């Protein structure tokens, strides 16, 4: 969908006309606008180190079809956009004739930038659940319940993709998702399938030597049930972004089992996640991959948080006190299944 069509879809024809008039006026006044030119030069100087020393690809534009258009800085590698609107007067409207505030322009620009894409599996009920995750004001109890519901919905999606005859399924998750997202999936899968094996991983995610572009996620411990033949290996995670956790756990799993199919499942994924995972494996492995998700986002903050994503760090949103706290936790689902196996 091109930019004009997207703006028309989100805001209607009146806003598109306003935006074109605003852009035309800005372009006509560009000559001699020394204030904007000085600011652009200042930003270029500030960003030059990142281009020359860190080899970042940065695009700068001005007076394009956007609600906030005086200067736009796009960090290509980080998928970050910065919009600047410059005013040298106290008037907080674009023009006296339009009566539209700058705050309104920023709000619409944010909405335009944050437009996520939904998969074929995301109906209106699913979108409401995803909005609850993205809402940073959602309490932990609501957040947990929402994750269980999304897990159940993903379980239904997976059941529609597999053959029930001679079907051996293996579900793997991380510790923070075990009692919530994975629990929901298991409720659906075990209701229809004779047996589902289960694995849970405790990962410590960090950047070695404080290099932000490199992230590792070694396994501190794991719970893994035995299984001889696996037709479908399902890796489920609350969000897949850099994919280092999924990659680490998948490498560990395929050392012991040889799945015929590998399903990588999450409510939300970052748009580069699929490519990153495929690049981490030989073709004989990634040919088995299928990705299932409800929403795909293409924006990140400077700290790597996918937005809108799942509303921040899943550890804190679920009620854990950070990564160390979740790694000290043993999920109830693990305790229950361990007892059943030992009987």
C-alpha atoms as a PDB file:
ATOM      1  CA  UNK A   1       0.000   0.000   0.000  1.00  0.00           C
ATOM      2  CA  UNK A   2       1.509   3.387  -1.027  1.00  0.00           C
ATOM      3  CA  UNK A   3       1.731   6.320   1.368  1.00  0.00           C
ATOM      4  CA  UNK A   4      -1.302   8.200   0.021  1.00  0.00           C
ATOM      5  CA  UNK A   5      -3.490   5.082   0.127  1.00  0.00           C
ATOM      6  CA  UNK A   6      -2.382   4.313   3.698  1.00  0.00           C
ATOM      7  CA  UNK A   7      -3.125   7.884   4.856  1.00  0.00           C
ATOM      8  CA  UNK A   8      -6.533   7.781   3.170  1.00  0.00           C
ATOM      9  CA  UNK A   9      -7.319   4.428   4.822  1.00  0.00           C
ATOM     10  CA  UNK A  10      -6.256   5.561   8.298  1.00  0.00           C
ATOM     11  CA  UNK A  11      -7.515   9.149   8.372  1.00  0.00           C
ATOM     12  CA  UNK A  12      -9.823   9.767   5.392  1.00  0.00           C
ATOM     13  CA  UNK A  13      -9.780  12.057   2.357  1.00  0.00           C
ATOM     14  CA  UNK A  14     -10.020  15.317   4.352  1.00  0.00           C
ATOM     15  CA  UNK A  15      -6.780  14.593   6.206  1.00  0.00           C
ATOM     16  CA  UNK A  16      -5.055  13.570   2.975  1.00  0.00           C
ATOM     17  CA  UNK A  17      -6.071  16.890   1.359  1.00  0.00           C
ATOM     18  CA  UNK A  18      -4.869  18.789   4.450  1.00  0.00           C
ATOM     19  CA  UNK A  19      -1.557  16.947   4.281  1.00  0.00           C
ATOM     20  CA  UNK A  20      -1.054  17.707   0.585  1.00  0.00           C
ATOM     21  CA  UNK A  21      -1.864  21.409   1.155  1.00  0.00           C
ATOM     22  CA  UNK A  22       0.531  21.505   4.087  1.00  0.00           C
ATOM     23  CA  UNK A  23       3.272  19.826   2.077  1.00  0.00           C
ATOM     24  CA  UNK A  24       2.729  22.174  -0.869  1.00  0.00           C
ATOM     25  CA  UNK A  25       2.936  25.200   1.401  1.00  0.00           C
ATOM     26  CA  UNK A  26       6.085  23.939   3.067  1.00  0.00           C
ATOM     27  CA  UNK A  27       7.755  23.284  -0.277  1.00  0.00           C
ATOM     28  CA  UNK A  28       6.886  26.746  -1.584  1.00  0.00           C
ATOM     29  CA  UNK A  29       8.375  28.360   1.522  1.00  0.00           C
ATOM     30  CA  UNK A  30      11.516  26.222   1.576  1.00  0.00           C
ATOM     31  CA  UNK A  31      13.698  28.763  -0.203  1.00  0.00           C
ATOM     32  CA  UNK A  32      15.305  31.126   2.217  1.00  0.00           C
ATOM     33  CA  UNK A  33      14.101  29.218   5.275  1.00  0.00           C
ATOM     34  CA  UNK A  34      17.420  29.591   7.050  1.00  0.00           C
ATOM     35  CA  UNK A  35      16.131  28.342  10.399  1.00  0.00           C
ATOM     36  CA  UNK A  36      15.248  24.921   8.970  1.00  0.00           C
ATOM     37  CA  UNK A  37      18.455  24.790   6.940  1.00  0.00           C
ATOM     38  CA  UNK A  38      20.638  25.540   9.985  1.00  0.00           C
ATOM     39  CA  UNK A  39      18.845  22.872  11.986  1.00  0.00           C
ATOM     40  CA  UNK A  40      19.313  20.290   9.199  1.00  0.00           C
ATOM     41  CA  UNK A  41      23.043  21.076   8.983  1.00  0.00           C
ATOM     42  CA  UNK A  42      23.325  20.765  12.767  1.00  0.00           C
ATOM     43  CA  UNK A  43      21.685  17.316  12.675  1.00  0.00           C
ATOM     44  CA  UNK A  44      23.935  16.154   9.829  1.00  0.00           C
ATOM     45  CA  UNK A  45      27.017  17.140  11.828  1.00  0.00           C
ATOM     46  CA  UNK A  46      25.694  15.317  14.916  1.00  0.00           C
ATOM     47  CA  UNK A  47      25.016  12.153  12.924  1.00  0.00           C
ATOM     48  CA  UNK A  48      28.243  12.152  10.928  1.00  0.00           C
ATOM     49  CA  UNK A  49      30.145  10.104  13.512  1.00  0.00           C
ATOM     50  CA  UNK A  50      27.579   7.297  13.337  1.00  0.00           C
ATOM     51  CA  UNK A  51      27.914   7.216   9.555  1.00  0.00           C
ATOM     52  CA  UNK A  52      31.693   7.530   9.319  1.00  0.00           C
ATOM     53  CA  UNK A  53      32.783   5.509  12.358  1.00  0.00           C
ATOM     54  CA  UNK A  54      29.929   3.055  12.925  1.00  0.00           C
ATOM     55  CA  UNK A  55      29.012   2.574   9.252  1.00  0.00           C
ATOM     56  CA  UNK A  56      25.328   3.346   9.930  1.00  0.00           C
ATOM     57  CA  UNK A  57      23.041   3.980   6.976  1.00  0.00           C
ATOM     58  CA  UNK A  58      21.052   7.134   7.707  1.00  0.00           C
ATOM     59  CA  UNK A  59      18.634   8.876   5.335  1.00  0.00           C
ATOM     60  CA  UNK A  60      17.579  12.501   5.766  1.00  0.00           C
ATOM     61  CA  UNK A  61      14.586  14.047   4.022  1.00  0.00           C
ATOM     62  CA  UNK A  62      12.421  17.151   4.223  1.00  0.00           C
ATOM     63  CA  UNK A  63       9.026  18.373   2.989  1.00  0.00           C
ATOM     64  CA  UNK A  64       7.763  14.917   2.021  1.00  0.00           C
ATOM     65  CA  UNK A  65       4.174  13.697   2.389  1.00  0.00           C
ATOM     66  CA  UNK A  66       4.088  13.409   6.181  1.00  0.00           C
ATOM     67  CA  UNK A  67       2.293  15.092   9.075  1.00  0.00           C
ATOM     68  CA  UNK A  68       5.623  16.058  10.677  1.00  0.00           C
ATOM     69  CA  UNK A  69       7.835  16.855   7.721  1.00  0.00           C
ATOM     70  CA  UNK A  70      10.323  19.678   8.345  1.00  0.00           C
ATOM     71  CA  UNK A  71      13.110  17.142   8.865  1.00  0.00           C
ATOM     72  CA  UNK A  72      12.953  13.334   8.924  1.00  0.00           C
ATOM     73  CA  UNK A  73      15.917  11.213   9.975  1.00  0.00           C
ATOM     74  CA  UNK A  74      15.651   7.511   9.186  1.00  0.00           C
ATOM     75  CA  UNK A  75      18.090   5.027  10.744  1.00  0.00           C
ATOM     76  CA  UNK A  76      17.895   2.207   8.200  1.00  0.00           C
ATOM     77  CA  UNK A  77      19.736  -0.496  10.184  1.00  0.00           C
ATOM     78  CA  UNK A  78      17.809   0.203  13.393  1.00  0.00           C
ATOM     79  CA  UNK A  79      14.405   0.863  11.759  1.00  0.00           C
ATOM     80  CA  UNK A  80      14.057   4.136  13.679  1.00  0.00           C
ATOM     81  CA  UNK A  81      12.382   7.304  12.415  1.00  0.00           C
ATOM     82  CA  UNK A  82      12.806  10.762  13.946  1.00  0.00           C
ATOM     83  CA  UNK A  83      10.448  13.531  12.826  1.00  0.00           C
ATOM     84  CA  UNK A  84      11.097  17.210  13.545  1.00  0.00           C
ATOM     85  CA  UNK A  85       8.662  20.093  13.184  1.00  0.00           C
ATOM     86  CA  UNK A  86      10.339  23.492  13.446  1.00  0.00           C
ATOM     87  CA  UNK A  87       8.598  26.664  14.593  1.00  0.00           C
ATOM     88  CA  UNK A  88      10.076  30.084  15.221  1.00  0.00           C
ATOM     89  CA  UNK A  89       6.803  31.549  16.497  1.00  0.00           C
ATOM     90  CA  UNK A  90       4.508  30.947  19.478  1.00  0.00           C
ATOM     91  CA  UNK A  91       1.613  29.776  17.299  1.00  0.00           C
ATOM     92  CA  UNK A  92       1.077  26.014  17.826  1.00  0.00           C
ATOM     93  CA  UNK A  93      -1.032  25.499  14.710  1.00  0.00           C
ATOM     94  CA  UNK A  94       0.285  24.859  11.225  1.00  0.00           C
ATOM     95  CA  UNK A  95      -1.626  27.841   9.923  1.00  0.00           C
ATOM     96  CA  UNK A  96      -4.394  30.118  11.165  1.00  0.00           C
ATOM     97  CA  UNK A  97      -6.631  28.821   8.400  1.00  0.00           C
ATOM     98  CA  UNK A  98      -6.269  25.101   9.207  1.00  0.00           C
ATOM     99  CA  UNK A  99      -6.745  25.334  13.019  1.00  0.00           C
ATOM    100  CA  UNK A 100      -4.986  21.946  13.296  1.00  0.00           C
ATOM    101  CA  UNK A 101      -2.502  21.774  16.141  1.00  0.00           C
ATOM    102  CA  UNK A 102       1.063  20.548  15.962  1.00  0.00           C
ATOM    103  CA  UNK A 103       0.161  18.055  18.684  1.00  0.00           C
ATOM    104  CA  UNK A 104      -2.495  16.599  16.370  1.00  0.00           C
ATOM    105  CA  UNK A 105       0.084  16.301  13.583  1.00  0.00           C
ATOM    106  CA  UNK A 106       2.495  14.446  15.863  1.00  0.00           C
ATOM    107  CA  UNK A 107      -0.250  12.127  17.049  1.00  0.00           C
ATOM    108  CA  UNK A 108      -1.210  11.201  13.488  1.00  0.00           C
ATOM    109  CA  UNK A 109       2.415  10.834  12.426  1.00  0.00           C
ATOM    110  CA  UNK A 110       3.008   8.422  15.311  1.00  0.00           C
ATOM    111  CA  UNK A 111      -0.053   6.421  14.275  1.00  0.00           C
ATOM    112  CA  UNK A 112       1.101   6.385  10.666  1.00  0.00           C
ATOM    113  CA  UNK A 113       4.594   5.170  11.615  1.00  0.00           C
ATOM    114  CA  UNK A 114       3.289   2.568  14.035  1.00  0.00           C
ATOM    115  CA  UNK A 115       0.947   0.889  11.571  1.00  0.00           C
ATOM    116  CA  UNK A 116       1.439  -2.844  12.063  1.00  0.00           C
ATOM    117  CA  UNK A 117       0.460  -5.614   9.694  1.00  0.00           C
ATOM    118  CA  UNK A 118      -1.770  -8.488  10.725  1.00  0.00           C
ATOM    119  CA  UNK A 119      -1.666 -12.054   9.520  1.00  0.00           C
ATOM    120  CA  UNK A 120      -4.625 -13.965   8.123  1.00  0.00           C
ATOM    121  CA  UNK A 121      -5.135 -15.501  11.582  1.00  0.00           C
ATOM    122  CA  UNK A 122      -5.817 -12.203  13.386  1.00  0.00           C
ATOM    123  CA  UNK A 123      -9.538 -11.531  13.696  1.00  0.00           C
ATOM    124  CA  UNK A 124     -11.041  -8.608  15.615  1.00  0.00           C
ATOM    125  CA  UNK A 125     -11.009 -10.522  18.932  1.00  0.00           C
ATOM    126  CA  UNK A 126      -7.306 -11.245  18.499  1.00  0.00           C
ATOM    127  CA  UNK A 127      -6.596  -7.584  17.722  1.00  0.00           C
ATOM    128  CA  UNK A 128      -8.297  -6.564  20.985  1.00  0.00           C
ATOM    129  CA  UNK A 129      -6.076  -9.012  22.902  1.00  0.00           C
ATOM    130  CA  UNK A 130      -2.973  -7.632  21.163  1.00  0.00           C
ATOM    131  CA  UNK A 131      -4.016  -4.104  22.112  1.00  0.00           C
ATOM    132  CA  UNK A 132      -4.230  -5.218  25.755  1.00  0.00           C
ATOM    133  CA  UNK A 133      -0.625  -6.438  25.551  1.00  0.00           C
ATOM    134  CA  UNK A 134       0.591  -3.229  23.916  1.00  0.00           C
ATOM    135  CA  UNK A 135      -1.181  -1.072  26.534  1.00  0.00           C
ATOM    136  CA  UNK A 136       1.481  -0.305  29.141  1.00  0.00           C
ATOM    137  CA  UNK A 137      -1.259   0.377  31.708  1.00  0.00           C
ATOM    138  CA  UNK A 138      -2.543  -3.214  31.625  1.00  0.00           C
ATOM    139  CA  UNK A 139      -2.078  -4.811  35.071  1.00  0.00           C
ATOM    140  CA  UNK A 140       0.019  -8.000  35.356  1.00  0.00           C
ATOM    141  CA  UNK A 141      -3.062 -10.158  36.034  1.00  0.00           C
ATOM    142  CA  UNK A 142      -4.769  -8.944  32.861  1.00  0.00           C
ATOM    143  CA  UNK A 143      -1.518  -9.328  30.930  1.00  0.00           C
ATOM    144  CA  UNK A 144      -1.103 -12.952  32.066  1.00  0.00           C
ATOM    145  CA  UNK A 145      -4.710 -13.818  31.253  1.00  0.00           C
ATOM    146  CA  UNK A 146      -4.340 -12.227  27.835  1.00  0.00           C
ATOM    147  CA  UNK A 147      -1.232 -14.304  27.132  1.00  0.00           C
ATOM    148  CA  UNK A 148      -3.102 -17.508  28.018  1.00  0.00           C
ATOM    149  CA  UNK A 149      -5.933 -16.545  25.652  1.00  0.00           C
ATOM    150  CA  UNK A 150      -3.485 -15.789  22.852  1.00  0.00           C
ATOM    151  CA  UNK A 151      -1.784 -19.127  23.490  1.00  0.00           C
ATOM    152  CA  UNK A 152      -5.119 -20.901  23.134  1.00  0.00           C
ATOM    153  CA  UNK A 153      -5.801 -19.028  19.898  1.00  0.00           C
ATOM    154  CA  UNK A 154      -2.366 -19.956  18.535  1.00  0.00           C
ATOM    155  CA  UNK A 155      -3.041 -23.553  19.536  1.00  0.00           C
ATOM    156  CA  UNK A 156      -6.172 -23.509  17.382  1.00  0.00           C
ATOM    157  CA  UNK A 157      -4.146 -22.098  14.486  1.00  0.00           C
ATOM    158  CA  UNK A 158      -1.585 -24.901  14.792  1.00  0.00           C
ATOM    159  CA  UNK A 159      -4.218 -27.635  15.062  1.00  0.00           C
ATOM    160  CA  UNK A 160      -5.623 -26.491  11.720  1.00  0.00           C
ATOM    161  CA  UNK A 161      -2.195 -26.990  10.122  1.00  0.00           C
ATOM    162  CA  UNK A 162      -1.314 -30.517  11.230  1.00  0.00           C
ATOM    163  CA  UNK A 163      -2.435 -34.050  10.529  1.00  0.00           C
ATOM    164  CA  UNK A 164      -3.842 -35.776  13.611  1.00  0.00           C
ATOM    165  CA  UNK A 165      -2.933 -39.262  12.364  1.00  0.00           C
ATOM    166  CA  UNK A 166       0.357 -40.574  13.778  1.00  0.00           C
ATOM    167  CA  UNK A 167       1.056 -37.053  14.993  1.00  0.00           C
ATOM    168  CA  UNK A 168       3.854 -36.546  17.497  1.00  0.00           C
ATOM    169  CA  UNK A 169       4.093 -32.945  18.646  1.00  0.00           C
ATOM    170  CA  UNK A 170       6.831 -31.331  20.745  1.00  0.00           C
ATOM    171  CA  UNK A 171       6.218 -27.894  22.286  1.00  0.00           C
ATOM    172  CA  UNK A 172       9.137 -25.800  23.561  1.00  0.00           C
ATOM    173  CA  UNK A 173       9.058 -22.443  25.346  1.00  0.00           C
ATOM    174  CA  UNK A 174      11.039 -20.181  27.665  1.00  0.00           C
ATOM    175  CA  UNK A 175      10.474 -20.008  31.419  1.00  0.00           C
ATOM    176  CA  UNK A 176       8.589 -16.690  31.386  1.00  0.00           C
ATOM    177  CA  UNK A 177       6.056 -18.002  28.861  1.00  0.00           C
ATOM    178  CA  UNK A 178       5.526 -21.456  30.377  1.00  0.00           C
ATOM    179  CA  UNK A 179       2.580 -20.730  32.698  1.00  0.00           C
ATOM    180  CA  UNK A 180       0.904 -18.302  30.315  1.00  0.00           C
ATOM    181  CA  UNK A 181       1.376 -18.391  26.531  1.00  0.00           C
ATOM    182  CA  UNK A 182       2.619 -22.004  26.423  1.00  0.00           C
ATOM    183  CA  UNK A 183      -0.037 -23.083  28.914  1.00  0.00           C
ATOM    184  CA  UNK A 184      -2.751 -21.758  26.613  1.00  0.00           C
ATOM    185  CA  UNK A 185      -1.283 -23.632  23.647  1.00  0.00           C
ATOM    186  CA  UNK A 186      -1.012 -26.867  25.617  1.00  0.00           C
ATOM    187  CA  UNK A 187      -4.647 -26.614  26.727  1.00  0.00           C
ATOM    188  CA  UNK A 188      -5.714 -26.649  23.085  1.00  0.00           C
ATOM    189  CA  UNK A 189      -3.159 -29.147  21.760  1.00  0.00           C
ATOM    190  CA  UNK A 190      -3.616 -31.750  24.491  1.00  0.00           C
ATOM    191  CA  UNK A 191      -7.390 -31.594  24.104  1.00  0.00           C
ATOM    192  CA  UNK A 192      -7.095 -32.870  20.509  1.00  0.00           C
ATOM    193  CA  UNK A 193      -3.835 -34.826  20.409  1.00  0.00           C
ATOM    194  CA  UNK A 194      -2.998 -38.043  22.292  1.00  0.00           C
ATOM    195  CA  UNK A 195       0.378 -36.785  23.527  1.00  0.00           C
ATOM    196  CA  UNK A 196       2.381 -33.586  23.436  1.00  0.00           C
ATOM    197  CA  UNK A 197       5.973 -33.575  24.721  1.00  0.00           C
ATOM    198  CA  UNK A 198       7.217 -30.407  26.396  1.00  0.00           C
ATOM    199  CA  UNK A 199      10.467 -28.518  26.985  1.00  0.00           C
ATOM    200  CA  UNK A 200      11.193 -25.344  28.934  1.00  0.00           C
ATOM    201  CA  UNK A 201      14.379 -23.255  28.776  1.00  0.00           C
ATOM    202  CA  UNK A 202      15.938 -20.740  31.147  1.00  0.00           C
ATOM    203  CA  UNK A 203      18.015 -18.301  29.034  1.00  0.00           C
ATOM    204  CA  UNK A 204      20.212 -15.403  30.119  1.00  0.00           C
ATOM    205  CA  UNK A 205      20.117 -12.827  27.353  1.00  0.00           C
ATOM    206  CA  UNK A 206      22.916 -10.242  27.171  1.00  0.00           C
ATOM    207  CA  UNK A 207      25.338  -8.411  24.888  1.00  0.00           C
ATOM    208  CA  UNK A 208      28.938  -9.580  25.442  1.00  0.00           C
ATOM    209  CA  UNK A 209      31.493  -6.827  25.965  1.00  0.00           C
ATOM    210  CA  UNK A 210      28.531  -4.381  25.855  1.00  0.00           C
ATOM    211  CA  UNK A 211      28.411  -4.557  22.060  1.00  0.00           C
ATOM    212  CA  UNK A 212      24.755  -3.725  21.348  1.00  0.00           C
ATOM    213  CA  UNK A 213      24.691  -5.327  17.894  1.00  0.00           C
ATOM    214  CA  UNK A 214      25.691  -8.735  19.293  1.00  0.00           C
ATOM    215  CA  UNK A 215      23.301 -10.610  21.577  1.00  0.00           C
ATOM    216  CA  UNK A 216      23.632 -14.104  23.017  1.00  0.00           C
ATOM    217  CA  UNK A 217      21.254 -16.173  25.140  1.00  0.00           C
ATOM    218  CA  UNK A 218      23.029 -19.134  26.766  1.00  0.00           C
ATOM    219  CA  UNK A 219      20.886 -21.809  28.411  1.00  0.00           C
ATOM    220  CA  UNK A 220      21.229 -21.789  32.195  1.00  0.00           C
ATOM    221  CA  UNK A 221      19.040 -24.863  32.684  1.00  0.00           C
ATOM    222  CA  UNK A 222      16.251 -26.723  30.928  1.00  0.00           C
ATOM    223  CA  UNK A 223      13.396 -29.145  31.448  1.00  0.00           C
ATOM    224  CA  UNK A 224      13.046 -31.531  28.498  1.00  0.00           C
ATOM    225  CA  UNK A 225      10.757 -34.522  28.164  1.00  0.00           C
ATOM    226  CA  UNK A 226      11.884 -37.550  26.129  1.00  0.00           C
ATOM    227  CA  UNK A 227      10.417 -38.195  22.689  1.00  0.00           C
ATOM    228  CA  UNK A 228      11.513 -40.637  20.009  1.00  0.00           C
ATOM    229  CA  UNK A 229       9.781 -39.408  16.856  1.00  0.00           C
ATOM    230  CA  UNK A 230       8.734 -35.793  16.322  1.00  0.00           C
ATOM    231  CA  UNK A 231       6.525 -34.822  13.410  1.00  0.00           C
ATOM    232  CA  UNK A 232       6.052 -31.225  14.555  1.00  0.00           C
ATOM    233  CA  UNK A 233       8.440 -29.227  16.721  1.00  0.00           C
ATOM    234  CA  UNK A 234       6.736 -26.037  17.902  1.00  0.00           C
ATOM    235  CA  UNK A 235       8.807 -23.183  19.328  1.00  0.00           C
ATOM    236  CA  UNK A 236       6.529 -20.646  21.014  1.00  0.00           C
ATOM    237  CA  UNK A 237       7.604 -17.270  22.381  1.00  0.00           C
ATOM    238  CA  UNK A 238       5.747 -14.128  23.455  1.00  0.00           C
ATOM    239  CA  UNK A 239       7.615 -12.010  20.895  1.00  0.00           C
ATOM    240  CA  UNK A 240      10.379 -12.797  18.396  1.00  0.00           C
ATOM    241  CA  UNK A 241      12.665  -9.866  17.674  1.00  0.00           C
ATOM    242  CA  UNK A 242      16.407 -10.488  17.479  1.00  0.00           C
ATOM    243  CA  UNK A 243      15.646 -14.236  17.514  1.00  0.00           C
ATOM    244  CA  UNK A 244      18.771 -15.158  19.499  1.00  0.00           C
ATOM    245  CA  UNK A 245      16.747 -16.991  22.193  1.00  0.00           C
ATOM    246  CA  UNK A 246      14.771 -18.983  19.632  1.00  0.00           C
ATOM    247  CA  UNK A 247      17.957 -19.780  17.719  1.00  0.00           C
ATOM    248  CA  UNK A 248      19.816 -20.963  20.841  1.00  0.00           C
ATOM    249  CA  UNK A 249      16.990 -23.194  22.037  1.00  0.00           C
ATOM    250  CA  UNK A 250      16.290 -24.613  18.605  1.00  0.00           C
ATOM    251  CA  UNK A 251      19.949 -25.545  18.102  1.00  0.00           C
ATOM    252  CA  UNK A 252      19.853 -27.353  21.444  1.00  0.00           C
ATOM    253  CA  UNK A 253      16.632 -29.210  20.608  1.00  0.00           C
ATOM    254  CA  UNK A 254      17.647 -30.507  17.176  1.00  0.00           C
ATOM    255  CA  UNK A 255      20.768 -32.072  18.665  1.00  0.00           C
ATOM    256  CA  UNK A 256      18.479 -34.633  20.326  1.00  0.00           C
ATOM    257  CA  UNK A 257      15.437 -34.827  18.048  1.00  0.00           C
ATOM    258  CA  UNK A 258      14.924 -34.753  14.288  1.00  0.00           C
ATOM    259  CA  UNK A 259      11.618 -33.002  13.606  1.00  0.00           C
ATOM    260  CA  UNK A 260       9.947 -33.307  10.230  1.00  0.00           C
ATOM    261  CA  UNK A 261       8.462 -29.805  10.577  1.00  0.00           C
ATOM    262  CA  UNK A 262       9.481 -26.804  12.678  1.00  0.00           C
ATOM    263  CA  UNK A 263       6.775 -24.289  13.577  1.00  0.00           C
ATOM    264  CA  UNK A 264       7.951 -20.966  15.027  1.00  0.00           C
ATOM    265  CA  UNK A 265       5.026 -19.321  16.791  1.00  0.00           C
ATOM    266  CA  UNK A 266       4.441 -15.975  18.532  1.00  0.00           C
ATOM    267  CA  UNK A 267       1.666 -13.414  18.981  1.00  0.00           C
ATOM    268  CA  UNK A 268       3.993 -10.700  17.612  1.00  0.00           C
ATOM    269  CA  UNK A 269       7.180 -10.808  15.562  1.00  0.00           C
ATOM    270  CA  UNK A 270       9.593  -8.139  14.332  1.00  0.00           C
ATOM    271  CA  UNK A 271       9.740  -7.941  10.558  1.00  0.00           C
ATOM    272  CA  UNK A 272      13.423  -8.957  10.397  1.00  0.00           C
ATOM    273  CA  UNK A 273      13.045 -11.989  12.681  1.00  0.00           C
ATOM    274  CA  UNK A 274      12.245 -14.542   9.980  1.00  0.00           C
ATOM    275  CA  UNK A 275      15.276 -13.574   7.904  1.00  0.00           C
ATOM    276  CA  UNK A 276      17.575 -13.631  10.948  1.00  0.00           C
ATOM    277  CA  UNK A 277      16.467 -17.118  11.915  1.00  0.00           C
ATOM    278  CA  UNK A 278      16.783 -18.498   8.413  1.00  0.00           C
ATOM    279  CA  UNK A 279      20.294 -17.060   8.099  1.00  0.00           C
ATOM    280  CA  UNK A 280      21.336 -18.856  11.303  1.00  0.00           C
ATOM    281  CA  UNK A 281      20.665 -22.374   9.980  1.00  0.00           C
ATOM    282  CA  UNK A 282      21.602 -24.637   7.104  1.00  0.00           C
ATOM    283  CA  UNK A 283      19.063 -24.918   4.303  1.00  0.00           C
ATOM    284  CA  UNK A 284      18.187 -28.484   5.296  1.00  0.00           C
ATOM    285  CA  UNK A 285      16.935 -27.071   8.613  1.00  0.00           C
ATOM    286  CA  UNK A 286      15.316 -23.798   7.568  1.00  0.00           C
ATOM    287  CA  UNK A 287      13.398 -25.528   4.789  1.00  0.00           C
ATOM    288  CA  UNK A 288      11.382 -27.091   7.626  1.00  0.00           C
ATOM    289  CA  UNK A 289      10.462 -23.674   9.081  1.00  0.00           C
ATOM    290  CA  UNK A 290       6.952 -22.233   9.084  1.00  0.00           C
ATOM    291  CA  UNK A 291       6.140 -19.030  10.932  1.00  0.00           C
ATOM    292  CA  UNK A 292       2.804 -18.400  12.627  1.00  0.00           C
ATOM    293  CA  UNK A 293       1.955 -15.052  14.213  1.00  0.00           C
ATOM    294  CA  UNK A 294      -0.862 -12.586  14.618  1.00  0.00           C
ATOM    295  CA  UNK A 295       0.988  -9.269  14.104  1.00  0.00           C
ATOM    296  CA  UNK A 296       4.234  -8.092  12.553  1.00  0.00           C
ATOM    297  CA  UNK A 297       5.852  -4.799  13.632  1.00  0.00           C
ATOM    298  CA  UNK A 298       8.604  -2.917  11.825  1.00  0.00           C
ATOM    299  CA  UNK A 299       9.637  -0.323  14.410  1.00  0.00           C
ATOM    300  CA  UNK A 300      12.063  -0.470  17.350  1.00  0.00           C
ATOM    301  CA  UNK A 301      13.216   2.012  19.964  1.00  0.00           C
ATOM    302  CA  UNK A 302      16.894   2.898  20.315  1.00  0.00           C
ATOM    303  CA  UNK A 303      17.092   0.212  23.028  1.00  0.00           C
ATOM    304  CA  UNK A 304      15.692  -2.463  20.732  1.00  0.00           C
ATOM    305  CA  UNK A 305      12.131  -2.615  22.082  1.00  0.00           C
ATOM    306  CA  UNK A 306       9.678  -3.519  19.328  1.00  0.00           C
ATOM    307  CA  UNK A 307       6.798  -1.050  19.187  1.00  0.00           C
ATOM    308  CA  UNK A 308       3.952  -1.428  19.715  1.00  0.00           C
ATOM    309  CA  UNK A 309       5.068  -5.034  20.217  1.00  0.00           C
ATOM    310  CA  UNK A 310       3.840  -6.532  23.482  1.00  0.00           C
ATOM    311  CA  UNK A 311       4.072  -3.342  25.510  1.00  0.00           C
ATOM    312  CA  UNK A 312       7.657  -3.560  26.775  1.00  0.00           C
ATOM    313  CA  UNK A 313       9.707  -6.215  28.555  1.00  0.00           C
ATOM    314  CA  UNK A 314       7.622  -9.360  28.953  1.00  0.00           C
ATOM    315  CA  UNK A 315       9.400 -10.164  32.257  1.00  0.00           C
ATOM    316  CA  UNK A 316       8.119  -7.065  34.035  1.00  0.00           C
ATOM    317  CA  UNK A 317       4.745  -7.116  32.284  1.00  0.00           C
ATOM    318  CA  UNK A 318       4.135 -10.641  33.609  1.00  0.00           C
ATOM    319  CA  UNK A 319       5.136  -9.580  37.117  1.00  0.00           C
ATOM    320  CA  UNK A 320       8.757 -10.730  37.311  1.00  0.00           C
ATOM    321  CA  UNK A 321      11.392  -8.411  38.737  1.00  0.00           C
ATOM    322  CA  UNK A 322      13.632  -8.610  35.703  1.00  0.00           C
ATOM    323  CA  UNK A 323      15.599 -11.359  33.990  1.00  0.00           C
ATOM    324  CA  UNK A 324      17.354 -12.736  37.081  1.00  0.00           C
ATOM    325  CA  UNK A 325      14.052 -13.094  38.907  1.00  0.00           C
ATOM    326  CA  UNK A 326      12.401 -15.031  36.067  1.00  0.00           C
ATOM    327  CA  UNK A 327      15.434 -17.348  35.889  1.00  0.00           C
ATOM    328  CA  UNK A 328      15.018 -18.216  39.573  1.00  0.00           C
ATOM    329  CA  UNK A 329      11.397 -19.152  38.929  1.00  0.00           C
ATOM    330  CA  UNK A 330      10.133 -22.694  38.302  1.00  0.00           C
ATOM    331  CA  UNK A 331       6.823 -22.666  36.412  1.00  0.00           C
ATOM    332  CA  UNK A 332       3.864 -24.578  37.817  1.00  0.00           C
ATOM    333  CA  UNK A 333       3.498 -26.391  34.519  1.00  0.00           C
ATOM    334  CA  UNK A 334       7.032 -27.770  34.879  1.00  0.00           C
ATOM    335  CA  UNK A 335       6.415 -28.873  38.470  1.00  0.00           C
ATOM    336  CA  UNK A 336       3.196 -30.656  37.493  1.00  0.00           C
ATOM    337  CA  UNK A 337       4.609 -32.442  34.461  1.00  0.00           C
ATOM    338  CA  UNK A 338       7.767 -33.467  36.307  1.00  0.00           C
ATOM    339  CA  UNK A 339       5.643 -35.157  39.000  1.00  0.00           C
ATOM    340  CA  UNK A 340       3.566 -37.001  36.397  1.00  0.00           C
ATOM    341  CA  UNK A 341       6.675 -38.346  34.666  1.00  0.00           C
ATOM    342  CA  UNK A 342       8.269 -39.490  37.953  1.00  0.00           C
ATOM    343  CA  UNK A 343       5.151 -41.454  38.981  1.00  0.00           C
END
